[in-house]
Amino acid sequence: GLLTVNAPEVAEGVRLAWMATQHGRDDPTALCYAALPLS
């Protein structure tokens, strides 16, 4: 409940999740933590 739908951290979180998939393609930790924010 600390962020609204339109909070800047929401869009930034999505960008960071995609960065994780790009730089951690073979890193299960990076992919695991990126998956839920994408959803």
Full PDB file with SEQRES, HELIX, SHEET, SSBOND, CRYST1, ORIGX, SCALE, CONECT and MASTER records, all heavy atoms in Angstrom:
SEQRES   1 A   39  GLY LEU LEU THR VAL ASN ALA PRO GLU VAL ALA GLU GLY          
SEQRES   2 A   39  VAL ARG LEU ALA TRP MET ALA THR GLN HIS GLY ARG ASP          
SEQRES   3 A   39  ASP PRO THR ALA LEU CYS TYR ALA ALA LEU PRO LEU SER          
HELIX    1 AA1 PRO A    8  HIS A   23  1                                  16    
HELIX    2 AA2 PRO A   28  LEU A   38  1                                  11    
CRYST1    1.000    1.000    1.000  90.00  90.00  90.00 P 1           1          
ORIGX1      1.000000  0.000000  0.000000        0.00000                         
ORIGX2      0.000000  1.000000  0.000000        0.00000                         
ORIGX3      0.000000  0.000000  1.000000        0.00000                         
SCALE1      1.000000  0.000000  0.000000        0.00000                         
SCALE2      0.000000  1.000000  0.000000        0.00000                         
SCALE3      0.000000  0.000000  1.000000        0.00000                         
ATOM      1  N   GLY A   1       0.788  -1.228   0.000  1.00  0.00           N  
ATOM      2  CA  GLY A   1       0.000   0.000   0.000  1.00  0.00           C  
ATOM      3  C   GLY A   1       0.816   1.272   0.000  1.00  0.00           C  
ATOM      4  O   GLY A   1       0.262   2.360   0.180  1.00  0.00           O  
ATOM      5  N   LEU A   2       2.131   1.170  -0.231  1.00  0.00           N  
ATOM      6  CA  LEU A   2       2.982   2.361  -0.218  1.00  0.00           C  
ATOM      7  C   LEU A   2       3.038   3.059  -1.569  1.00  0.00           C  
ATOM      8  O   LEU A   2       3.512   4.197  -1.654  1.00  0.00           O  
ATOM      9  CB  LEU A   2       4.402   1.990   0.219  1.00  0.00           C  
ATOM     10  CG  LEU A   2       4.561   1.431   1.635  1.00  0.00           C  
ATOM     11  CD1 LEU A   2       6.032   1.172   1.938  1.00  0.00           C  
ATOM     12  CD2 LEU A   2       3.965   2.378   2.663  1.00  0.00           C  
ATOM     13  N   LEU A   3       2.589   2.397  -2.635  1.00  0.00           N  
ATOM     14  CA  LEU A   3       2.634   2.977  -3.975  1.00  0.00           C  
ATOM     15  C   LEU A   3       1.249   2.959  -4.606  1.00  0.00           C  
ATOM     16  O   LEU A   3       0.501   2.003  -4.446  1.00  0.00           O  
ATOM     17  CB  LEU A   3       3.592   2.193  -4.880  1.00  0.00           C  
ATOM     18  CG  LEU A   3       5.059   2.086  -4.469  1.00  0.00           C  
ATOM     19  CD1 LEU A   3       5.817   1.245  -5.490  1.00  0.00           C  
ATOM     20  CD2 LEU A   3       5.692   3.466  -4.348  1.00  0.00           C  
ATOM     21  N   THR A   4       0.920   4.006  -5.323  1.00  0.00           N  
ATOM     22  CA  THR A   4      -0.295   4.014  -6.125  1.00  0.00           C  
ATOM     23  C   THR A   4       0.015   3.401  -7.488  1.00  0.00           C  
ATOM     24  O   THR A   4       1.170   3.150  -7.836  1.00  0.00           O  
ATOM     25  CB  THR A   4      -0.798   5.451  -6.330  1.00  0.00           C  
ATOM     26  OG1 THR A   4       0.195   6.192  -7.079  1.00  0.00           O  
ATOM     27  CG2 THR A   4      -1.025   6.142  -4.992  1.00  0.00           C  
ATOM     28  N   VAL A   5      -1.035   3.171  -8.271  1.00  0.00           N  
ATOM     29  CA  VAL A   5      -0.849   2.563  -9.590  1.00  0.00           C  
ATOM     30  C   VAL A   5       0.056   3.414 -10.467  1.00  0.00           C  
ATOM     31  O   VAL A   5       0.856   2.887 -11.252  1.00  0.00           O  
ATOM     32  CB  VAL A   5      -2.219   2.360 -10.267  1.00  0.00           C  
ATOM     33  CG1 VAL A   5      -2.045   1.865 -11.695  1.00  0.00           C  
ATOM     34  CG2 VAL A   5      -3.069   1.388  -9.472  1.00  0.00           C  
ATOM     35  N   ASN A   6      -0.048   4.725 -10.326  1.00  0.00           N  
ATOM     36  CA  ASN A   6       0.696   5.636 -11.200  1.00  0.00           C  
ATOM     37  C   ASN A   6       1.998   6.149 -10.585  1.00  0.00           C  
ATOM     38  O   ASN A   6       2.617   7.047 -11.143  1.00  0.00           O  
ATOM     39  CB  ASN A   6      -0.196   6.835 -11.564  1.00  0.00           C  
ATOM     40  CG  ASN A   6      -1.443   6.411 -12.325  1.00  0.00           C  
ATOM     41  OD1 ASN A   6      -1.367   5.571 -13.226  1.00  0.00           O  
ATOM     42  ND2 ASN A   6      -2.581   6.976 -11.971  1.00  0.00           N  
ATOM     43  N   ALA A   7       2.408   5.570  -9.472  1.00  0.00           N  
ATOM     44  CA  ALA A   7       3.661   6.007  -8.849  1.00  0.00           C  
ATOM     45  C   ALA A   7       4.836   5.755  -9.793  1.00  0.00           C  
ATOM     46  O   ALA A   7       4.862   4.753 -10.515  1.00  0.00           O  
ATOM     47  CB  ALA A   7       3.876   5.270  -7.529  1.00  0.00           C  
ATOM     48  N   PRO A   8       5.833   6.664  -9.810  1.00  0.00           N  
ATOM     49  CA  PRO A   8       6.985   6.485 -10.710  1.00  0.00           C  
ATOM     50  C   PRO A   8       7.698   5.157 -10.497  1.00  0.00           C  
ATOM     51  O   PRO A   8       8.208   4.564 -11.460  1.00  0.00           O  
ATOM     52  CB  PRO A   8       7.892   7.664 -10.344  1.00  0.00           C  
ATOM     53  CG  PRO A   8       6.998   8.681  -9.725  1.00  0.00           C  
ATOM     54  CD  PRO A   8       5.917   7.916  -9.037  1.00  0.00           C  
ATOM     55  N   GLU A   9       7.711   4.656  -9.252  1.00  0.00           N  
ATOM     56  CA  GLU A   9       8.409   3.400  -8.976  1.00  0.00           C  
ATOM     57  C   GLU A   9       7.758   2.197  -9.661  1.00  0.00           C  
ATOM     58  O   GLU A   9       8.408   1.167  -9.862  1.00  0.00           O  
ATOM     59  CB  GLU A   9       8.470   3.148  -7.469  1.00  0.00           C  
ATOM     60  CG  GLU A   9       9.332   4.117  -6.698  1.00  0.00           C  
ATOM     61  CD  GLU A   9       8.544   5.302  -6.176  1.00  0.00           C  
ATOM     62  OE1 GLU A   9       7.431   5.566  -6.710  1.00  0.00           O  
ATOM     63  OE2 GLU A   9       9.023   5.949  -5.224  1.00  0.00           O  
ATOM     64  N   VAL A  10       6.468   2.340 -10.024  1.00  0.00           N  
ATOM     65  CA  VAL A  10       5.779   1.230 -10.683  1.00  0.00           C  
ATOM     66  C   VAL A  10       6.338   1.028 -12.089  1.00  0.00           C  
ATOM     67  O   VAL A  10       6.758  -0.076 -12.471  1.00  0.00           O  
ATOM     68  CB  VAL A  10       4.263   1.469 -10.718  1.00  0.00           C  
ATOM     69  CG1 VAL A  10       3.567   0.420 -11.585  1.00  0.00           C  
ATOM     70  CG2 VAL A  10       3.690   1.440  -9.300  1.00  0.00           C  
ATOM     71  N   ALA A  11       6.349   2.090 -12.870  1.00  0.00           N  
ATOM     72  CA  ALA A  11       6.909   1.992 -14.228  1.00  0.00           C  
ATOM     73  C   ALA A  11       8.390   1.656 -14.181  1.00  0.00           C  
ATOM     74  O   ALA A  11       8.886   0.870 -15.003  1.00  0.00           O  
ATOM     75  CB  ALA A  11       6.686   3.300 -14.977  1.00  0.00           C  
ATOM     76  N   GLU A  12       9.111   2.228 -13.232  1.00  0.00           N  
ATOM     77  CA  GLU A  12      10.542   1.944 -13.105  1.00  0.00           C  
ATOM     78  C   GLU A  12      10.761   0.487 -12.712  1.00  0.00           C  
ATOM     79  O   GLU A  12      11.711  -0.157 -13.179  1.00  0.00           O  
ATOM     80  CB  GLU A  12      11.166   2.865 -12.066  1.00  0.00           C  
ATOM     81  CG  GLU A  12      12.653   2.655 -11.821  1.00  0.00           C  
ATOM     82  CD  GLU A  12      13.524   2.948 -13.032  1.00  0.00           C  
ATOM     83  OE1 GLU A  12      12.998   3.413 -14.071  1.00  0.00           O  
ATOM     84  OE2 GLU A  12      14.743   2.698 -12.947  1.00  0.00           O  
ATOM     85  N   GLY A  13       9.882  -0.053 -11.883  1.00  0.00           N  
ATOM     86  CA  GLY A  13      10.000  -1.453 -11.499  1.00  0.00           C  
ATOM     87  C   GLY A  13       9.856  -2.386 -12.690  1.00  0.00           C  
ATOM     88  O   GLY A  13      10.570  -3.395 -12.790  1.00  0.00           O  
ATOM     89  N   VAL A  14       8.942  -2.072 -13.601  1.00  0.00           N  
ATOM     90  CA  VAL A  14       8.778  -2.878 -14.810  1.00  0.00           C  
ATOM     91  C   VAL A  14      10.043  -2.813 -15.664  1.00  0.00           C  
ATOM     92  O   VAL A  14      10.531  -3.830 -16.170  1.00  0.00           O  
ATOM     93  CB  VAL A  14       7.557  -2.404 -15.613  1.00  0.00           C  
ATOM     94  CG1 VAL A  14       7.454  -3.170 -16.937  1.00  0.00           C  
ATOM     95  CG2 VAL A  14       6.278  -2.583 -14.804  1.00  0.00           C  
ATOM     96  N   ARG A  15      10.597  -1.613 -15.808  1.00  0.00           N  
ATOM     97  CA  ARG A  15      11.829  -1.465 -16.590  1.00  0.00           C  
ATOM     98  C   ARG A  15      12.966  -2.278 -15.971  1.00  0.00           C  
ATOM     99  O   ARG A  15      13.724  -2.970 -16.676  1.00  0.00           O  
ATOM    100  CB  ARG A  15      12.231   0.008 -16.663  1.00  0.00           C  
ATOM    101  CG  ARG A  15      13.423   0.280 -17.599  1.00  0.00           C  
ATOM    102  CD  ARG A  15      13.886   1.717 -17.501  1.00  0.00           C  
ATOM    103  NE  ARG A  15      14.606   1.968 -16.254  1.00  0.00           N  
ATOM    104  CZ  ARG A  15      15.908   1.689 -16.084  1.00  0.00           C  
ATOM    105  NH1 ARG A  15      16.622   1.167 -17.071  1.00  0.00           N  
ATOM    106  NH2 ARG A  15      16.489   1.956 -14.937  1.00  0.00           N  
ATOM    107  N   LEU A  16      13.080  -2.221 -14.653  1.00  0.00           N  
ATOM    108  CA  LEU A  16      14.131  -2.961 -13.966  1.00  0.00           C  
ATOM    109  C   LEU A  16      13.949  -4.469 -14.131  1.00  0.00           C  
ATOM    110  O   LEU A  16      14.923  -5.222 -14.251  1.00  0.00           O  
ATOM    111  CB  LEU A  16      14.142  -2.585 -12.483  1.00  0.00           C  
ATOM    112  CG  LEU A  16      14.599  -1.166 -12.155  1.00  0.00           C  
ATOM    113  CD1 LEU A  16      14.258  -0.817 -10.713  1.00  0.00           C  
ATOM    114  CD2 LEU A  16      16.089  -1.011 -12.408  1.00  0.00           C  
ATOM    115  N   ALA A  17      12.692  -4.925 -14.107  1.00  0.00           N  
ATOM    116  CA  ALA A  17      12.441  -6.350 -14.289  1.00  0.00           C  
ATOM    117  C   ALA A  17      12.919  -6.819 -15.660  1.00  0.00           C  
ATOM    118  O   ALA A  17      13.531  -7.890 -15.796  1.00  0.00           O  
ATOM    119  CB  ALA A  17      10.951  -6.648 -14.112  1.00  0.00           C  
ATOM    120  N   TRP A  18      12.639  -6.030 -16.698  1.00  0.00           N  
ATOM    121  CA  TRP A  18      13.120  -6.393 -18.031  1.00  0.00           C  
ATOM    122  C   TRP A  18      14.643  -6.337 -18.103  1.00  0.00           C  
ATOM    123  O   TRP A  18      15.271  -7.156 -18.793  1.00  0.00           O  
ATOM    124  CB  TRP A  18      12.495  -5.493 -19.091  1.00  0.00           C  
ATOM    125  CG  TRP A  18      11.059  -5.812 -19.390  1.00  0.00           C  
ATOM    126  CD1 TRP A  18       9.974  -5.004 -19.230  1.00  0.00           C  
ATOM    127  CD2 TRP A  18      10.554  -7.049 -19.904  1.00  0.00           C  
ATOM    128  NE1 TRP A  18       8.821  -5.640 -19.595  1.00  0.00           N  
ATOM    129  CE2 TRP A  18       9.152  -6.912 -20.020  1.00  0.00           C  
ATOM    130  CE3 TRP A  18      11.138  -8.258 -20.264  1.00  0.00           C  
ATOM    131  CZ2 TRP A  18       8.333  -7.936 -20.488  1.00  0.00           C  
ATOM    132  CZ3 TRP A  18      10.327  -9.286 -20.739  1.00  0.00           C  
ATOM    133  CH2 TRP A  18       8.948  -9.125 -20.846  1.00  0.00           C  
ATOM    134  N   MET A  19      15.259  -5.401 -17.397  1.00  0.00           N  
ATOM    135  CA  MET A  19      16.724  -5.341 -17.341  1.00  0.00           C  
ATOM    136  C   MET A  19      17.275  -6.615 -16.710  1.00  0.00           C  
ATOM    137  O   MET A  19      18.314  -7.142 -17.129  1.00  0.00           O  
ATOM    138  CB  MET A  19      17.170  -4.117 -16.548  1.00  0.00           C  
ATOM    139  CG  MET A  19      16.900  -2.782 -17.222  1.00  0.00           C  
ATOM    140  SD  MET A  19      17.987  -2.485 -18.619  1.00  0.00           S  
ATOM    141  CE  MET A  19      19.516  -2.096 -17.761  1.00  0.00           C  
ATOM    142  N   ALA A  20      16.582  -7.114 -15.702  1.00  0.00           N  
ATOM    143  CA  ALA A  20      17.015  -8.347 -15.041  1.00  0.00           C  
ATOM    144  C   ALA A  20      16.977  -9.521 -16.009  1.00  0.00           C  
ATOM    145  O   ALA A  20      17.888 -10.363 -16.022  1.00  0.00           O  
ATOM    146  CB  ALA A  20      16.131  -8.630 -13.830  1.00  0.00           C  
ATOM    147  N   THR A  21      15.935  -9.603 -16.829  1.00  0.00           N  
ATOM    148  CA  THR A  21      15.860 -10.700 -17.795  1.00  0.00           C  
ATOM    149  C   THR A  21      16.924 -10.565 -18.870  1.00  0.00           C  
ATOM    150  O   THR A  21      17.400 -11.571 -19.416  1.00  0.00           O  
ATOM    151  CB  THR A  21      14.477 -10.768 -18.454  1.00  0.00           C  
ATOM    152  OG1 THR A  21      14.257  -9.596 -19.254  1.00  0.00           O  
ATOM    153  CG2 THR A  21      13.382 -10.870 -17.404  1.00  0.00           C  
ATOM    154  N   GLN A  22      17.319  -9.347 -19.176  1.00  0.00           N  
ATOM    155  CA  GLN A  22      18.343  -9.119 -20.193  1.00  0.00           C  
ATOM    156  C   GLN A  22      19.727  -9.497 -19.680  1.00  0.00           C  
ATOM    157  O   GLN A  22      20.489 -10.194 -20.359  1.00  0.00           O  
ATOM    158  CB  GLN A  22      18.326  -7.649 -20.630  1.00  0.00           C  
ATOM    159  CG  GLN A  22      19.429  -7.282 -21.615  1.00  0.00           C  
ATOM    160  CD  GLN A  22      19.446  -5.796 -21.929  1.00  0.00           C  
ATOM    161  OE1 GLN A  22      18.471  -5.081 -21.690  1.00  0.00           O  
ATOM    162  NE2 GLN A  22      20.557  -5.320 -22.476  1.00  0.00           N  
ATOM    163  N   HIS A  23      20.053  -9.047 -18.469  1.00  0.00           N  
ATOM    164  CA  HIS A  23      21.396  -9.266 -17.928  1.00  0.00           C  
ATOM    165  C   HIS A  23      21.503 -10.550 -17.099  1.00  0.00           C  
ATOM    166  O   HIS A  23      22.620 -10.941 -16.750  1.00  0.00           O  
ATOM    167  CB  HIS A  23      21.819  -8.075 -17.070  1.00  0.00           C  
ATOM    168  CG  HIS A  23      21.991  -6.810 -17.859  1.00  0.00           C  
ATOM    169  ND1 HIS A  23      22.933  -6.670 -18.843  1.00  0.00           N  
ATOM    170  CD2 HIS A  23      21.311  -5.628 -17.808  1.00  0.00           C  
ATOM    171  CE1 HIS A  23      22.852  -5.456 -19.375  1.00  0.00           C  
ATOM    172  NE2 HIS A  23      21.870  -4.807 -18.769  1.00  0.00           N  
ATOM    173  N   GLY A  24      20.390 -11.171 -16.801  1.00  0.00           N  
ATOM    174  CA  GLY A  24      20.410 -12.397 -16.000  1.00  0.00           C  
ATOM    175  C   GLY A  24      19.678 -13.535 -16.674  1.00  0.00           C  
ATOM    176  O   GLY A  24      18.999 -14.318 -16.003  1.00  0.00           O  
ATOM    177  N   ARG A  25      19.834 -13.643 -17.975  1.00  0.00           N  
ATOM    178  CA  ARG A  25      19.087 -14.649 -18.731  1.00  0.00           C  
ATOM    179  C   ARG A  25      19.317 -16.054 -18.190  1.00  0.00           C  
ATOM    180  O   ARG A  25      18.406 -16.886 -18.187  1.00  0.00           O  
ATOM    181  CB  ARG A  25      19.481 -14.578 -20.210  1.00  0.00           C  
ATOM    182  CG  ARG A  25      18.854 -15.686 -21.046  1.00  0.00           C  
ATOM    183  CD  ARG A  25      19.099 -15.530 -22.523  1.00  0.00           C  
ATOM    184  NE  ARG A  25      18.611 -16.686 -23.264  1.00  0.00           N  
ATOM    185  CZ  ARG A  25      17.342 -16.945 -23.510  1.00  0.00           C  
ATOM    186  NH1 ARG A  25      16.406 -16.110 -23.082  1.00  0.00           N  
ATOM    187  NH2 ARG A  25      16.983 -18.026 -24.174  1.00  0.00           N  
ATOM    188  N   ASP A  26      20.534 -16.344 -17.734  1.00  0.00           N  
ATOM    189  CA  ASP A  26      20.860 -17.669 -17.210  1.00  0.00           C  
ATOM    190  C   ASP A  26      21.038 -17.671 -15.697  1.00  0.00           C  
ATOM    191  O   ASP A  26      21.617 -18.598 -15.138  1.00  0.00           O  
ATOM    192  CB  ASP A  26      22.122 -18.204 -17.888  1.00  0.00           C  
ATOM    193  CG  ASP A  26      21.929 -18.417 -19.374  1.00  0.00           C  
ATOM    194  OD1 ASP A  26      20.866 -18.963 -19.751  1.00  0.00           O  
ATOM    195  OD2 ASP A  26      22.807 -18.030 -20.156  1.00  0.00           O  
ATOM    196  N   ASP A  27      20.548 -16.633 -15.049  1.00  0.00           N  
ATOM    197  CA  ASP A  27      20.636 -16.506 -13.591  1.00  0.00           C  
ATOM    198  C   ASP A  27      19.243 -16.731 -13.008  1.00  0.00           C  
ATOM    199  O   ASP A  27      18.372 -15.864 -13.116  1.00  0.00           O  
ATOM    200  CB  ASP A  27      21.147 -15.118 -13.223  1.00  0.00           C  
ATOM    201  CG  ASP A  27      21.236 -14.902 -11.717  1.00  0.00           C  
ATOM    202  OD1 ASP A  27      20.819 -15.802 -10.961  1.00  0.00           O  
ATOM    203  OD2 ASP A  27      21.714 -13.833 -11.307  1.00  0.00           O  
ATOM    204  N   PRO A  28      18.990 -17.890 -12.384  1.00  0.00           N  
ATOM    205  CA  PRO A  28      17.647 -18.156 -11.867  1.00  0.00           C  
ATOM    206  C   PRO A  28      17.206 -17.155 -10.812  1.00  0.00           C  
ATOM    207  O   PRO A  28      16.012 -16.878 -10.671  1.00  0.00           O  
ATOM    208  CB  PRO A  28      17.756 -19.571 -11.293  1.00  0.00           C  
ATOM    209  CG  PRO A  28      19.214 -19.825 -11.116  1.00  0.00           C  
ATOM    210  CD  PRO A  28      19.912 -19.021 -12.156  1.00  0.00           C  
ATOM    211  N   THR A  29      18.158 -16.601 -10.035  1.00  0.00           N  
ATOM    212  CA  THR A  29      17.783 -15.601  -9.031  1.00  0.00           C  
ATOM    213  C   THR A  29      17.248 -14.337  -9.694  1.00  0.00           C  
ATOM    214  O   THR A  29      16.201 -13.804  -9.307  1.00  0.00           O  
ATOM    215  CB  THR A  29      18.994 -15.260  -8.149  1.00  0.00           C  
ATOM    216  OG1 THR A  29      19.441 -16.437  -7.480  1.00  0.00           O  
ATOM    217  CG2 THR A  29      18.629 -14.199  -7.116  1.00  0.00           C  
ATOM    218  N   ALA A  30      17.947 -13.848 -10.715  1.00  0.00           N  
ATOM    219  CA  ALA A  30      17.497 -12.645 -11.428  1.00  0.00           C  
ATOM    220  C   ALA A  30      16.126 -12.866 -12.045  1.00  0.00           C  
ATOM    221  O   ALA A  30      15.223 -12.023 -11.943  1.00  0.00           O  
ATOM    222  CB  ALA A  30      18.519 -12.263 -12.499  1.00  0.00           C  
ATOM    223  N   LEU A  31      15.935 -14.020 -12.693  1.00  0.00           N  
ATOM    224  CA  LEU A  31      14.664 -14.306 -13.360  1.00  0.00           C  
ATOM    225  C   LEU A  31      13.534 -14.494 -12.353  1.00  0.00           C  
ATOM    226  O   LEU A  31      12.407 -14.029 -12.576  1.00  0.00           O  
ATOM    227  CB  LEU A  31      14.813 -15.555 -14.215  1.00  0.00           C  
ATOM    228  CG  LEU A  31      15.833 -15.473 -15.354  1.00  0.00           C  
ATOM    229  CD1 LEU A  31      15.954 -16.818 -16.053  1.00  0.00           C  
ATOM    230  CD2 LEU A  31      15.459 -14.387 -16.348  1.00  0.00           C  
ATOM    231  N   CYS A  32      13.839 -15.159 -11.249  1.00  0.00           N  
ATOM    232  CA  CYS A  32      12.816 -15.413 -10.228  1.00  0.00           C  
ATOM    233  C   CYS A  32      12.249 -14.106  -9.688  1.00  0.00           C  
ATOM    234  O   CYS A  32      11.032 -13.930  -9.600  1.00  0.00           O  
ATOM    235  CB  CYS A  32      13.426 -16.241  -9.105  1.00  0.00           C  
ATOM    236  SG  CYS A  32      12.304 -16.539  -7.726  1.00  0.00           S  
ATOM    237  N   TYR A  33      13.138 -13.177  -9.359  1.00  0.00           N  
ATOM    238  CA  TYR A  33      12.669 -11.934  -8.759  1.00  0.00           C  
ATOM    239  C   TYR A  33      12.106 -10.960  -9.787  1.00  0.00           C  
ATOM    240  O   TYR A  33      11.383 -10.032  -9.435  1.00  0.00           O  
ATOM    241  CB  TYR A  33      13.800 -11.287  -7.968  1.00  0.00           C  
ATOM    242  CG  TYR A  33      14.034 -11.966  -6.635  1.00  0.00           C  
ATOM    243  CD1 TYR A  33      15.129 -12.812  -6.445  1.00  0.00           C  
ATOM    244  CD2 TYR A  33      13.157 -11.783  -5.587  1.00  0.00           C  
ATOM    245  CE1 TYR A  33      15.332 -13.453  -5.234  1.00  0.00           C  
ATOM    246  CE2 TYR A  33      13.344 -12.412  -4.372  1.00  0.00           C  
ATOM    247  CZ  TYR A  33      14.435 -13.254  -4.200  1.00  0.00           C  
ATOM    248  OH  TYR A  33      14.632 -13.893  -3.000  1.00  0.00           O  
ATOM    249  N   ALA A  34      12.404 -11.169 -11.077  1.00  0.00           N  
ATOM    250  CA  ALA A  34      11.850 -10.297 -12.117  1.00  0.00           C  
ATOM    251  C   ALA A  34      10.433 -10.705 -12.494  1.00  0.00           C  
ATOM    252  O   ALA A  34       9.633  -9.867 -12.928  1.00  0.00           O  
ATOM    253  CB  ALA A  34      12.741 -10.329 -13.354  1.00  0.00           C  
ATOM    254  N   ALA A  35      10.105 -11.986 -12.337  1.00  0.00           N  
ATOM    255  CA  ALA A  35       8.843 -12.510 -12.865  1.00  0.00           C  
ATOM    256  C   ALA A  35       7.614 -11.884 -12.213  1.00  0.00           C  
ATOM    257  O   ALA A  35       6.672 -11.477 -12.900  1.00  0.00           O  
ATOM    258  CB  ALA A  35       8.812 -14.030 -12.706  1.00  0.00           C  
ATOM    259  N   LEU A  36       7.600 -11.810 -10.876  1.00  0.00           N  
ATOM    260  CA  LEU A  36       6.413 -11.301 -10.198  1.00  0.00           C  
ATOM    261  C   LEU A  36       6.165  -9.811 -10.485  1.00  0.00           C  
ATOM    262  O   LEU A  36       5.009  -9.424 -10.710  1.00  0.00           O  
ATOM    263  CB  LEU A  36       6.513 -11.561  -8.690  1.00  0.00           C  
ATOM    264  CG  LEU A  36       5.189 -11.652  -7.928  1.00  0.00           C  
ATOM    265  CD1 LEU A  36       4.254 -12.677  -8.560  1.00  0.00           C  
ATOM    266  CD2 LEU A  36       5.435 -12.001  -6.465  1.00  0.00           C  
ATOM    267  N   PRO A  37       7.201  -8.960 -10.509  1.00  0.00           N  
ATOM    268  CA  PRO A  37       6.951  -7.562 -10.894  1.00  0.00           C  
ATOM    269  C   PRO A  37       6.379  -7.416 -12.301  1.00  0.00           C  
ATOM    270  O   PRO A  37       5.580  -6.508 -12.549  1.00  0.00           O  
ATOM    271  CB  PRO A  37       8.342  -6.920 -10.789  1.00  0.00           C  
ATOM    272  CG  PRO A  37       9.083  -7.753  -9.822  1.00  0.00           C  
ATOM    273  CD  PRO A  37       8.576  -9.146 -10.025  1.00  0.00           C  
ATOM    274  N   LEU A  38       6.791  -8.277 -13.238  1.00  0.00           N  
ATOM    275  CA  LEU A  38       6.213  -8.204 -14.578  1.00  0.00           C  
ATOM    276  C   LEU A  38       4.711  -8.446 -14.518  1.00  0.00           C  
ATOM    277  O   LEU A  38       3.937  -7.838 -15.273  1.00  0.00           O  
ATOM    278  CB  LEU A  38       6.880  -9.223 -15.495  1.00  0.00           C  
ATOM    279  CG  LEU A  38       8.332  -8.933 -15.873  1.00  0.00           C  
ATOM    280  CD1 LEU A  38       8.911 -10.077 -16.691  1.00  0.00           C  
ATOM    281  CD2 LEU A  38       8.441  -7.626 -16.646  1.00  0.00           C  
ATOM    282  N   SER A  39       4.283  -9.319 -13.619  1.00  0.00           N  
ATOM    283  CA  SER A  39       2.848  -9.598 -13.461  1.00  0.00           C  
ATOM    284  C   SER A  39       2.135  -8.502 -12.679  1.00  0.00           C  
ATOM    285  O   SER A  39       1.095  -7.997 -13.103  1.00  0.00           O  
ATOM    286  CB  SER A  39       2.657 -10.945 -12.749  1.00  0.00           C  
ATOM    287  OG  SER A  39       3.179 -12.010 -13.499  1.00  0.00           O  
TER     288      SER A  39                                                      
MASTER        0    0    0    2    0    0    0    6  287    1    0    3          
END                                                                             
